[in-house]
Amino acid sequence: MTPSFTALLGLLSSLALLLAGCSARGDDLPALPREGCEPRPAPGGGAPVNDPNGPWGHQVVVASTTDGVTLDGAHQVLDHASVPDGVALRDGRVLLYYVNAETGAIHVAKLAGETIEQLGAISIDGAAAPIGAVDPDAVLLPNGKVRLFYLGNLGPPQLGADKPWYICSADSEDGRSFKLTGRAIQFTGEPTTDPSVTRLSDGSWLMAVSRGPNTLLARSKDGLSFEQYASVDYGGVPEVSSLNDGRTRLYVCARGIESYLSNDRGTTWTREATNIAPNIGKAIVCDPSWVPTSNLFFYKTGGGAPPRP
């Protein structure tokens, strides 16, 4: 047996072991760090978040739109709910993810006409209503699965420059039972929350996260592991979306919900519109989520009547 043939057999053997490992995991995804993302089931299904300035005092609103900036028919569909994000499935159904103040966990609902059918809390690796997993953002993958990005380690306040903030991801075939893929990116220092992710026209991925009144931007080649490349001071609590013409839209919360456009995959931005979402009698308007294939726009309201001008 020649040395080259022996080497070839060794290579094939290694490849077989690698494929077997992937089969055992049930996927072909690379192994990502799990620290800060490992799900912990909530005892008793979770506990209420009673702070009136938090999710308990928030509502989820839905409106119709054909262009993502002109909204019509805005109306409330959920109370005591916050941080909404919608995704359209292959079969046309629209799922809505949000933080339910009754449990403090991520829940999912299905849009049914003009109303919402609540489906219950999600699970990750079998852990129902996992503790500390908040700020959901859902993306439909080419294989039909839903990938959920979220803040993985919300907990008691911890001050200091070394405080970690983990943005995690998990995949699901049914939109409710998820399997952890791992940590997408880690930040340290000031609170870094509210991820939003979109796949760009060239196949790469763009993530936006909130840090106070600023938005941090990160890129990825595979939609799994991200690296920060920029920060913009337009506002926080972002939403990113890819347009059919190849441009990218960034929504932020500043003077109401504002939008910006990019012609270069998120390198530079130009303001497009301001105060696009009706406040429907509320002081807080934030947390935008555009579902372009379904002409829907979700967002959060709160705070009672808006201040007088």
C-alpha atoms as a PDB file:
ATOM      1  CA  MET A   1       0.000   0.000   0.000  1.00  0.00           C
ATOM      2  CA  THR A   2       1.590   3.275  -1.110  1.00  0.00           C
ATOM      3  CA  PRO A   3       2.037   6.156   1.378  1.00  0.00           C
ATOM      4  CA  SER A   4      -0.285   8.398  -0.650  1.00  0.00           C
ATOM      5  CA  PHE A   5      -3.026   5.770  -0.637  1.00  0.00           C
ATOM      6  CA  THR A   6      -2.575   5.276   3.127  1.00  0.00           C
ATOM      7  CA  ALA A   7      -2.880   9.011   3.667  1.00  0.00           C
ATOM      8  CA  LEU A   8      -6.051   9.046   1.566  1.00  0.00           C
ATOM      9  CA  LEU A   9      -7.584   6.291   3.675  1.00  0.00           C
ATOM     10  CA  GLY A  10      -6.716   8.222   6.817  1.00  0.00           C
ATOM     11  CA  LEU A  11      -8.366  11.345   5.426  1.00  0.00           C
ATOM     12  CA  LEU A  12     -11.521   9.430   4.514  1.00  0.00           C
ATOM     13  CA  SER A  13     -11.624   7.857   7.972  1.00  0.00           C
ATOM     14  CA  SER A  14     -11.363  11.281   9.622  1.00  0.00           C
ATOM     15  CA  LEU A  15     -14.113  12.622   7.380  1.00  0.00           C
ATOM     16  CA  ALA A  16     -16.370   9.693   8.309  1.00  0.00           C
ATOM     17  CA  LEU A  17     -15.859  10.393  12.003  1.00  0.00           C
ATOM     18  CA  LEU A  18     -16.650  14.073  11.456  1.00  0.00           C
ATOM     19  CA  LEU A  19     -19.869  13.272   9.576  1.00  0.00           C
ATOM     20  CA  ALA A  20     -20.864  10.793  12.270  1.00  0.00           C
ATOM     21  CA  GLY A  21     -20.435  13.497  14.877  1.00  0.00           C
ATOM     22  CA  CYS A  22     -22.626  15.855  12.889  1.00  0.00           C
ATOM     23  CA  SER A  23     -25.268  13.156  12.514  1.00  0.00           C
ATOM     24  CA  ALA A  24     -25.241  12.534  16.258  1.00  0.00           C
ATOM     25  CA  ARG A  25     -25.970  16.212  16.851  1.00  0.00           C
ATOM     26  CA  GLY A  26     -28.721  16.120  14.238  1.00  0.00           C
ATOM     27  CA  ASP A  27     -27.224  19.006  12.232  1.00  0.00           C
ATOM     28  CA  ASP A  28     -24.071  20.210  10.530  1.00  0.00           C
ATOM     29  CA  LEU A  29     -23.623  23.428  12.507  1.00  0.00           C
ATOM     30  CA  PRO A  30     -20.233  24.314  13.969  1.00  0.00           C
ATOM     31  CA  ALA A  31     -19.842  24.096  17.727  1.00  0.00           C
ATOM     32  CA  LEU A  32     -20.288  27.527  19.309  1.00  0.00           C
ATOM     33  CA  PRO A  33     -19.572  28.615  22.898  1.00  0.00           C
ATOM     34  CA  ARG A  34     -22.532  27.996  25.213  1.00  0.00           C
ATOM     35  CA  GLU A  35     -21.477  30.168  28.153  1.00  0.00           C
ATOM     36  CA  GLY A  36     -24.203  32.660  29.055  1.00  0.00           C
ATOM     37  CA  CYS A  37     -26.680  30.907  26.762  1.00  0.00           C
ATOM     38  CA  GLU A  38     -27.346  27.582  28.456  1.00  0.00           C
ATOM     39  CA  PRO A  39     -31.105  27.470  29.140  1.00  0.00           C
ATOM     40  CA  ARG A  40     -32.486  27.142  32.646  1.00  0.00           C
ATOM     41  CA  PRO A  41     -36.159  26.208  33.061  1.00  0.00           C
ATOM     42  CA  ALA A  42     -38.284  28.680  35.007  1.00  0.00           C
ATOM     43  CA  PRO A  43     -39.787  27.146  38.182  1.00  0.00           C
ATOM     44  CA  GLY A  44     -43.542  27.045  37.871  1.00  0.00           C
ATOM     45  CA  GLY A  45     -43.404  28.395  34.345  1.00  0.00           C
ATOM     46  CA  GLY A  46     -41.986  31.793  35.344  1.00  0.00           C
ATOM     47  CA  ALA A  47     -42.922  34.755  37.519  1.00  0.00           C
ATOM     48  CA  PRO A  48     -44.710  38.039  36.727  1.00  0.00           C
ATOM     49  CA  VAL A  49     -42.700  41.175  35.940  1.00  0.00           C
ATOM     50  CA  ASN A  50     -44.828  43.691  37.829  1.00  0.00           C
ATOM     51  CA  ASP A  51     -42.741  46.824  37.238  1.00  0.00           C
ATOM     52  CA  PRO A  52     -45.182  49.259  35.556  1.00  0.00           C
ATOM     53  CA  ASN A  53     -42.249  50.811  33.692  1.00  0.00           C
ATOM     54  CA  GLY A  54     -41.270  47.419  32.284  1.00  0.00           C
ATOM     55  CA  PRO A  55     -43.114  44.794  30.209  1.00  0.00           C
ATOM     56  CA  TRP A  56     -46.147  44.920  32.516  1.00  0.00           C
ATOM     57  CA  GLY A  57     -46.862  48.460  31.318  1.00  0.00           C
ATOM     58  CA  HIS A  58     -46.249  47.686  27.640  1.00  0.00           C
ATOM     59  CA  GLN A  59     -48.501  46.643  24.780  1.00  0.00           C
ATOM     60  CA  VAL A  60     -47.889  45.096  21.348  1.00  0.00           C
ATOM     61  CA  VAL A  61     -49.353  46.910  18.345  1.00  0.00           C
ATOM     62  CA  VAL A  62     -49.647  45.708  14.739  1.00  0.00           C
ATOM     63  CA  ALA A  63     -50.114  47.831  11.621  1.00  0.00           C
ATOM     64  CA  SER A  64     -50.184  47.182   7.892  1.00  0.00           C
ATOM     65  CA  THR A  65     -47.586  48.583   5.497  1.00  0.00           C
ATOM     66  CA  THR A  66     -46.444  47.979   1.942  1.00  0.00           C
ATOM     67  CA  ASP A  67     -43.196  49.917   2.152  1.00  0.00           C
ATOM     68  CA  GLY A  68     -42.126  49.600   5.800  1.00  0.00           C
ATOM     69  CA  VAL A  69     -42.410  53.317   6.563  1.00  0.00           C
ATOM     70  CA  THR A  70     -46.075  54.204   5.921  1.00  0.00           C
ATOM     71  CA  LEU A  71     -48.251  52.458   8.513  1.00  0.00           C
ATOM     72  CA  ASP A  72     -52.033  52.053   8.483  1.00  0.00           C
ATOM     73  CA  GLY A  73     -54.614  50.544  10.802  1.00  0.00           C
ATOM     74  CA  ALA A  74     -52.424  50.377  13.904  1.00  0.00           C
ATOM     75  CA  HIS A  75     -54.163  48.577  16.758  1.00  0.00           C
ATOM     76  CA  GLN A  76     -53.229  46.801  19.974  1.00  0.00           C
ATOM     77  CA  VAL A  77     -53.162  42.997  19.943  1.00  0.00           C
ATOM     78  CA  LEU A  78     -51.458  42.164  23.268  1.00  0.00           C
ATOM     79  CA  ASP A  79     -51.293  43.740  26.709  1.00  0.00           C
ATOM     80  CA  HIS A  80     -48.578  43.227  29.368  1.00  0.00           C
ATOM     81  CA  ALA A  81     -46.217  42.283  26.533  1.00  0.00           C
ATOM     82  CA  SER A  82     -43.007  43.790  25.204  1.00  0.00           C
ATOM     83  CA  VAL A  83     -40.158  43.503  22.678  1.00  0.00           C
ATOM     84  CA  PRO A  84     -42.236  42.075  19.799  1.00  0.00           C
ATOM     85  CA  ASP A  85     -40.702  40.496  16.716  1.00  0.00           C
ATOM     86  CA  GLY A  86     -42.555  38.883  13.835  1.00  0.00           C
ATOM     87  CA  VAL A  87     -41.518  36.331  11.218  1.00  0.00           C
ATOM     88  CA  ALA A  88     -43.372  34.897   8.222  1.00  0.00           C
ATOM     89  CA  LEU A  89     -43.069  31.144   7.675  1.00  0.00           C
ATOM     90  CA  ARG A  90     -42.945  29.327   4.351  1.00  0.00           C
ATOM     91  CA  ASP A  91     -46.635  28.421   4.560  1.00  0.00           C
ATOM     92  CA  GLY A  92     -47.632  32.073   5.045  1.00  0.00           C
ATOM     93  CA  ARG A  93     -48.270  31.923   8.787  1.00  0.00           C
ATOM     94  CA  VAL A  94     -46.915  34.804  10.823  1.00  0.00           C
ATOM     95  CA  LEU A  95     -45.452  34.087  14.249  1.00  0.00           C
ATOM     96  CA  LEU A  96     -44.968  36.810  16.835  1.00  0.00           C
ATOM     97  CA  TYR A  97     -42.334  36.486  19.562  1.00  0.00           C
ATOM     98  CA  TYR A  98     -42.468  38.727  22.621  1.00  0.00           C
ATOM     99  CA  VAL A  99     -41.647  38.945  26.325  1.00  0.00           C
ATOM    100  CA  ASN A 100     -44.739  38.040  28.349  1.00  0.00           C
ATOM    101  CA  ALA A 101     -44.893  40.052  31.587  1.00  0.00           C
ATOM    102  CA  GLU A 102     -46.987  37.320  33.206  1.00  0.00           C
ATOM    103  CA  THR A 103     -43.995  34.939  33.143  1.00  0.00           C
ATOM    104  CA  GLY A 104     -40.977  37.121  32.293  1.00  0.00           C
ATOM    105  CA  ALA A 105     -40.193  34.695  29.456  1.00  0.00           C
ATOM    106  CA  ILE A 106     -40.275  34.674  25.664  1.00  0.00           C
ATOM    107  CA  HIS A 107     -43.655  33.580  24.343  1.00  0.00           C
ATOM    108  CA  VAL A 108     -44.881  32.999  20.809  1.00  0.00           C
ATOM    109  CA  ALA A 109     -48.240  33.753  19.220  1.00  0.00           C
ATOM    110  CA  LYS A 110     -49.769  33.302  15.781  1.00  0.00           C
ATOM    111  CA  LEU A 111     -51.448  36.092  13.876  1.00  0.00           C
ATOM    112  CA  ALA A 112     -54.980  35.027  12.970  1.00  0.00           C
ATOM    113  CA  GLY A 113     -56.704  37.709  10.905  1.00  0.00           C
ATOM    114  CA  GLU A 114     -57.000  40.803  13.076  1.00  0.00           C
ATOM    115  CA  THR A 115     -56.294  38.977  16.326  1.00  0.00           C
ATOM    116  CA  ILE A 116     -53.464  37.062  17.991  1.00  0.00           C
ATOM    117  CA  GLU A 117     -53.654  33.412  19.040  1.00  0.00           C
ATOM    118  CA  GLN A 118     -51.248  32.931  21.944  1.00  0.00           C
ATOM    119  CA  LEU A 119     -49.362  29.634  21.728  1.00  0.00           C
ATOM    120  CA  GLY A 120     -47.379  29.824  24.986  1.00  0.00           C
ATOM    121  CA  ALA A 121     -43.771  30.001  26.117  1.00  0.00           C
ATOM    122  CA  ILE A 122     -40.938  28.754  23.965  1.00  0.00           C
ATOM    123  CA  SER A 123     -38.515  26.070  25.117  1.00  0.00           C
ATOM    124  CA  ILE A 124     -34.784  25.787  24.467  1.00  0.00           C
ATOM    125  CA  ASP A 125     -33.162  22.352  24.742  1.00  0.00           C
ATOM    126  CA  GLY A 126     -36.298  21.208  26.559  1.00  0.00           C
ATOM    127  CA  ALA A 127     -36.209  23.997  29.149  1.00  0.00           C
ATOM    128  CA  ALA A 128     -39.608  25.691  29.102  1.00  0.00           C
ATOM    129  CA  ALA A 129     -39.790  29.482  29.565  1.00  0.00           C
ATOM    130  CA  PRO A 130     -36.003  29.651  30.110  1.00  0.00           C
ATOM    131  CA  ILE A 131     -34.856  32.147  32.756  1.00  0.00           C
ATOM    132  CA  GLY A 132     -32.940  35.194  31.543  1.00  0.00           C
ATOM    133  CA  ALA A 133     -33.724  34.700  27.829  1.00  0.00           C
ATOM    134  CA  VAL A 134     -35.369  37.909  26.566  1.00  0.00           C
ATOM    135  CA  ASP A 135     -35.403  40.340  23.604  1.00  0.00           C
ATOM    136  CA  PRO A 136     -36.301  37.858  20.840  1.00  0.00           C
ATOM    137  CA  ASP A 137     -35.547  38.378  17.148  1.00  0.00           C
ATOM    138  CA  ALA A 138     -36.654  35.696  14.682  1.00  0.00           C
ATOM    139  CA  VAL A 139     -35.237  34.969  11.223  1.00  0.00           C
ATOM    140  CA  LEU A 140     -36.531  32.430   8.701  1.00  0.00           C
ATOM    141  CA  LEU A 141     -33.674  30.265   7.406  1.00  0.00           C
ATOM    142  CA  PRO A 142     -33.482  28.924   3.827  1.00  0.00           C
ATOM    143  CA  ASN A 143     -34.253  25.416   5.145  1.00  0.00           C
ATOM    144  CA  GLY A 144     -37.546  26.620   6.663  1.00  0.00           C
ATOM    145  CA  LYS A 145     -36.356  26.624  10.272  1.00  0.00           C
ATOM    146  CA  VAL A 146     -36.730  29.626  12.555  1.00  0.00           C
ATOM    147  CA  ARG A 147     -33.533  30.983  14.090  1.00  0.00           C
ATOM    148  CA  LEU A 148     -34.155  32.977  17.251  1.00  0.00           C
ATOM    149  CA  PHE A 149     -31.576  35.497  18.442  1.00  0.00           C
ATOM    150  CA  TYR A 150     -31.983  36.753  22.002  1.00  0.00           C
ATOM    151  CA  LEU A 151     -30.245  38.214  25.037  1.00  0.00           C
ATOM    152  CA  GLY A 152     -29.289  35.132  27.012  1.00  0.00           C
ATOM    153  CA  ASN A 153     -28.269  36.270  30.471  1.00  0.00           C
ATOM    154  CA  LEU A 154     -30.608  38.940  31.778  1.00  0.00           C
ATOM    155  CA  GLY A 155     -30.415  38.974  35.565  1.00  0.00           C
ATOM    156  CA  PRO A 156     -29.914  41.167  38.625  1.00  0.00           C
ATOM    157  CA  PRO A 157     -28.090  44.436  37.860  1.00  0.00           C
ATOM    158  CA  GLN A 158     -24.317  44.078  37.825  1.00  0.00           C
ATOM    159  CA  LEU A 159     -22.319  47.254  37.396  1.00  0.00           C
ATOM    160  CA  GLY A 160     -18.782  47.575  36.114  1.00  0.00           C
ATOM    161  CA  ALA A 161     -16.789  47.395  32.926  1.00  0.00           C
ATOM    162  CA  ASP A 162     -16.540  43.591  33.083  1.00  0.00           C
ATOM    163  CA  LYS A 163     -20.261  42.855  33.003  1.00  0.00           C
ATOM    164  CA  PRO A 164     -20.837  40.391  30.100  1.00  0.00           C
ATOM    165  CA  TRP A 165     -23.791  40.586  27.731  1.00  0.00           C
ATOM    166  CA  TYR A 166     -24.387  37.445  25.681  1.00  0.00           C
ATOM    167  CA  ILE A 167     -26.371  37.403  22.446  1.00  0.00           C
ATOM    168  CA  CYS A 168     -27.418  33.812  21.723  1.00  0.00           C
ATOM    169  CA  SER A 169     -29.191  31.904  18.977  1.00  0.00           C
ATOM    170  CA  ALA A 170     -31.344  28.789  18.789  1.00  0.00           C
ATOM    171  CA  ASP A 171     -33.056  26.982  15.895  1.00  0.00           C
ATOM    172  CA  SER A 172     -36.530  25.458  15.661  1.00  0.00           C
ATOM    173  CA  GLU A 173     -38.511  23.436  13.155  1.00  0.00           C
ATOM    174  CA  ASP A 174     -41.912  24.333  14.616  1.00  0.00           C
ATOM    175  CA  GLY A 175     -41.222  27.855  15.890  1.00  0.00           C
ATOM    176  CA  ARG A 176     -41.737  26.976  19.536  1.00  0.00           C
ATOM    177  CA  SER A 177     -39.322  24.197  20.564  1.00  0.00           C
ATOM    178  CA  PHE A 178     -35.764  25.403  19.996  1.00  0.00           C
ATOM    179  CA  LYS A 179     -32.345  23.798  20.042  1.00  0.00           C
ATOM    180  CA  LEU A 180     -29.502  25.993  21.241  1.00  0.00           C
ATOM    181  CA  THR A 181     -26.873  26.771  18.606  1.00  0.00           C
ATOM    182  CA  GLY A 182     -24.737  28.841  20.995  1.00  0.00           C
ATOM    183  CA  ARG A 183     -23.354  32.301  21.607  1.00  0.00           C
ATOM    184  CA  ALA A 184     -23.431  34.571  18.578  1.00  0.00           C
ATOM    185  CA  ILE A 185     -21.446  37.423  20.119  1.00  0.00           C
ATOM    186  CA  GLN A 186     -20.390  38.721  23.538  1.00  0.00           C
ATOM    187  CA  PHE A 187     -20.194  42.326  24.712  1.00  0.00           C
ATOM    188  CA  THR A 188     -18.888  43.745  27.977  1.00  0.00           C
ATOM    189  CA  GLY A 189     -19.590  46.876  29.985  1.00  0.00           C
ATOM    190  CA  GLU A 190     -22.746  48.905  29.463  1.00  0.00           C
ATOM    191  CA  PRO A 191     -26.064  47.083  28.923  1.00  0.00           C
ATOM    192  CA  THR A 192     -26.138  45.681  25.384  1.00  0.00           C
ATOM    193  CA  THR A 193     -29.527  44.262  24.457  1.00  0.00           C
ATOM    194  CA  ASP A 194     -32.249  43.917  21.807  1.00  0.00           C
ATOM    195  CA  PRO A 195     -30.530  42.085  18.925  1.00  0.00           C
ATOM    196  CA  SER A 196     -31.881  42.227  15.392  1.00  0.00           C
ATOM    197  CA  VAL A 197     -30.451  40.184  12.512  1.00  0.00           C
ATOM    198  CA  THR A 198     -30.960  40.053   8.760  1.00  0.00           C
ATOM    199  CA  ARG A 199     -29.353  38.202   5.863  1.00  0.00           C
ATOM    200  CA  LEU A 200     -27.936  40.558   3.245  1.00  0.00           C
ATOM    201  CA  SER A 201     -28.117  40.271  -0.541  1.00  0.00           C
ATOM    202  CA  ASP A 202     -24.553  38.872  -0.755  1.00  0.00           C
ATOM    203  CA  GLY A 203     -25.358  36.050   1.693  1.00  0.00           C
ATOM    204  CA  SER A 204     -23.596  37.597   4.695  1.00  0.00           C
ATOM    205  CA  TRP A 205     -25.415  38.561   7.875  1.00  0.00           C
ATOM    206  CA  LEU A 206     -25.863  41.846   9.721  1.00  0.00           C
ATOM    207  CA  MET A 207     -26.690  42.223  13.419  1.00  0.00           C
ATOM    208  CA  ALA A 208     -27.723  45.380  15.260  1.00  0.00           C
ATOM    209  CA  VAL A 209     -27.882  45.609  19.057  1.00  0.00           C
ATOM    210  CA  SER A 210     -28.848  48.377  21.455  1.00  0.00           C
ATOM    211  CA  ARG A 211     -26.447  50.113  23.821  1.00  0.00           C
ATOM    212  CA  GLY A 212     -28.285  53.007  25.443  1.00  0.00           C
ATOM    213  CA  PRO A 213     -29.014  55.672  22.786  1.00  0.00           C
ATOM    214  CA  ASN A 214     -26.597  53.998  20.347  1.00  0.00           C
ATOM    215  CA  THR A 215     -26.709  50.987  18.042  1.00  0.00           C
ATOM    216  CA  LEU A 216     -23.782  48.587  17.648  1.00  0.00           C
ATOM    217  CA  LEU A 217     -23.380  46.752  14.328  1.00  0.00           C
ATOM    218  CA  ALA A 218     -21.803  43.333  13.731  1.00  0.00           C
ATOM    219  CA  ARG A 219     -21.213  41.093  10.722  1.00  0.00           C
ATOM    220  CA  SER A 220     -21.172  37.346  10.128  1.00  0.00           C
ATOM    221  CA  LYS A 221     -20.397  35.058   7.202  1.00  0.00           C
ATOM    222  CA  ASP A 222     -22.501  32.164   8.473  1.00  0.00           C
ATOM    223  CA  GLY A 223     -25.267  33.725  10.586  1.00  0.00           C
ATOM    224  CA  LEU A 224     -23.894  32.074  13.700  1.00  0.00           C
ATOM    225  CA  SER A 225     -20.742  33.863  14.888  1.00  0.00           C
ATOM    226  CA  PHE A 226     -20.664  37.682  14.676  1.00  0.00           C
ATOM    227  CA  GLU A 227     -18.002  40.366  15.065  1.00  0.00           C
ATOM    228  CA  GLN A 228     -18.683  44.031  15.818  1.00  0.00           C
ATOM    229  CA  TYR A 229     -17.490  46.526  13.230  1.00  0.00           C
ATOM    230  CA  ALA A 230     -19.242  49.832  13.962  1.00  0.00           C
ATOM    231  CA  SER A 231     -21.410  51.932  16.271  1.00  0.00           C
ATOM    232  CA  VAL A 232     -23.918  54.611  15.240  1.00  0.00           C
ATOM    233  CA  ASP A 233     -25.567  57.255  17.406  1.00  0.00           C
ATOM    234  CA  TYR A 234     -28.966  57.447  15.667  1.00  0.00           C
ATOM    235  CA  GLY A 235     -30.867  55.771  18.527  1.00  0.00           C
ATOM    236  CA  GLY A 236     -31.264  52.400  20.217  1.00  0.00           C
ATOM    237  CA  VAL A 237     -33.501  49.287  20.214  1.00  0.00           C
ATOM    238  CA  PRO A 238     -32.834  48.619  16.512  1.00  0.00           C
ATOM    239  CA  GLU A 239     -34.375  46.533  13.757  1.00  0.00           C
ATOM    240  CA  VAL A 240     -32.508  45.655  10.555  1.00  0.00           C
ATOM    241  CA  SER A 241     -34.125  44.432   7.358  1.00  0.00           C
ATOM    242  CA  SER A 242     -32.940  43.621   3.832  1.00  0.00           C
ATOM    243  CA  LEU A 243     -34.845  45.237   0.968  1.00  0.00           C
ATOM    244  CA  ASN A 244     -35.578  43.607  -2.380  1.00  0.00           C
ATOM    245  CA  ASP A 245     -33.406  46.152  -4.210  1.00  0.00           C
ATOM    246  CA  GLY A 246     -30.314  45.156  -2.214  1.00  0.00           C
ATOM    247  CA  ARG A 247     -30.383  48.042   0.241  1.00  0.00           C
ATOM    248  CA  THR A 248     -30.552  47.609   3.999  1.00  0.00           C
ATOM    249  CA  ARG A 249     -32.915  49.411   6.347  1.00  0.00           C
ATOM    250  CA  LEU A 250     -32.168  50.209   9.975  1.00  0.00           C
ATOM    251  CA  TYR A 251     -34.949  51.235  12.356  1.00  0.00           C
ATOM    252  CA  VAL A 252     -34.118  52.826  15.709  1.00  0.00           C
ATOM    253  CA  CYS A 253     -35.996  54.378  18.608  1.00  0.00           C
ATOM    254  CA  ALA A 254     -35.192  58.083  18.912  1.00  0.00           C
ATOM    255  CA  ARG A 255     -37.888  60.627  18.086  1.00  0.00           C
ATOM    256  CA  GLY A 256     -40.426  57.860  17.865  1.00  0.00           C
ATOM    257  CA  ILE A 257     -39.365  55.135  15.427  1.00  0.00           C
ATOM    258  CA  GLU A 258     -36.970  56.381  12.744  1.00  0.00           C
ATOM    259  CA  SER A 259     -35.521  54.620   9.700  1.00  0.00           C
ATOM    260  CA  TYR A 260     -32.186  54.804   7.869  1.00  0.00           C
ATOM    261  CA  LEU A 261     -31.052  53.269   4.571  1.00  0.00           C
ATOM    262  CA  SER A 262     -27.711  51.829   3.478  1.00  0.00           C
ATOM    263  CA  ASN A 263     -26.494  51.130  -0.063  1.00  0.00           C
ATOM    264  CA  ASP A 264     -23.276  49.440   1.079  1.00  0.00           C
ATOM    265  CA  ARG A 265     -24.374  46.605   3.380  1.00  0.00           C
ATOM    266  CA  GLY A 266     -24.468  48.709   6.522  1.00  0.00           C
ATOM    267  CA  THR A 267     -21.229  50.655   6.164  1.00  0.00           C
ATOM    268  CA  THR A 268     -22.874  54.077   5.771  1.00  0.00           C
ATOM    269  CA  TRP A 269     -26.426  55.206   6.451  1.00  0.00           C
ATOM    270  CA  THR A 270     -28.798  57.986   5.337  1.00  0.00           C
ATOM    271  CA  ARG A 271     -31.880  59.014   7.291  1.00  0.00           C
ATOM    272  CA  GLU A 272     -35.078  57.993   5.529  1.00  0.00           C
ATOM    273  CA  ALA A 273     -38.053  58.779   7.784  1.00  0.00           C
ATOM    274  CA  THR A 274     -38.912  59.893  11.325  1.00  0.00           C
ATOM    275  CA  ASN A 275     -41.773  59.145  13.706  1.00  0.00           C
ATOM    276  CA  ILE A 276     -43.248  56.507  11.412  1.00  0.00           C
ATOM    277  CA  ALA A 277     -45.379  54.615  13.965  1.00  0.00           C
ATOM    278  CA  PRO A 278     -48.675  56.003  15.363  1.00  0.00           C
ATOM    279  CA  ASN A 279     -48.597  56.290  19.161  1.00  0.00           C
ATOM    280  CA  ILE A 280     -52.314  55.397  19.497  1.00  0.00           C
ATOM    281  CA  GLY A 281     -52.527  57.466  22.662  1.00  0.00           C
ATOM    282  CA  LYS A 282     -49.336  56.202  24.331  1.00  0.00           C
ATOM    283  CA  ALA A 283     -46.181  58.030  25.395  1.00  0.00           C
ATOM    284  CA  ILE A 284     -43.761  55.245  24.439  1.00  0.00           C
ATOM    285  CA  VAL A 285     -43.377  53.978  20.877  1.00  0.00           C
ATOM    286  CA  CYS A 286     -40.427  51.643  20.290  1.00  0.00           C
ATOM    287  CA  ASP A 287     -39.218  48.082  19.481  1.00  0.00           C
ATOM    288  CA  PRO A 288     -39.985  48.016  15.725  1.00  0.00           C
ATOM    289  CA  SER A 289     -40.366  44.782  13.764  1.00  0.00           C
ATOM    290  CA  TRP A 290     -41.149  44.757  10.032  1.00  0.00           C
ATOM    291  CA  VAL A 291     -42.389  41.566   8.327  1.00  0.00           C
ATOM    292  CA  PRO A 292     -42.127  42.649   4.672  1.00  0.00           C
ATOM    293  CA  THR A 293     -43.444  39.458   3.038  1.00  0.00           C
ATOM    294  CA  SER A 294     -46.681  39.835   5.028  1.00  0.00           C
ATOM    295  CA  ASN A 295     -46.963  43.654   4.907  1.00  0.00           C
ATOM    296  CA  LEU A 296     -47.038  43.806   8.703  1.00  0.00           C
ATOM    297  CA  PHE A 297     -45.283  46.006  11.237  1.00  0.00           C
ATOM    298  CA  PHE A 298     -45.191  45.248  14.969  1.00  0.00           C
ATOM    299  CA  TYR A 299     -44.057  47.601  17.700  1.00  0.00           C
ATOM    300  CA  LYS A 300     -44.336  48.323  21.401  1.00  0.00           C
ATOM    301  CA  THR A 301     -46.283  51.079  23.146  1.00  0.00           C
ATOM    302  CA  GLY A 302     -46.486  52.080  26.800  1.00  0.00           C
ATOM    303  CA  GLY A 303     -46.592  54.864  29.314  1.00  0.00           C
ATOM    304  CA  GLY A 304     -50.195  56.051  29.076  1.00  0.00           C
ATOM    305  CA  ALA A 305     -51.030  59.254  27.265  1.00  0.00           C
ATOM    306  CA  PRO A 306     -48.160  60.942  25.385  1.00  0.00           C
ATOM    307  CA  PRO A 307     -46.859  64.274  26.706  1.00  0.00           C
ATOM    308  CA  ARG A 308     -48.388  67.429  25.327  1.00  0.00           C
ATOM    309  CA  PRO A 309     -46.242  69.143  22.655  1.00  0.00           C
END
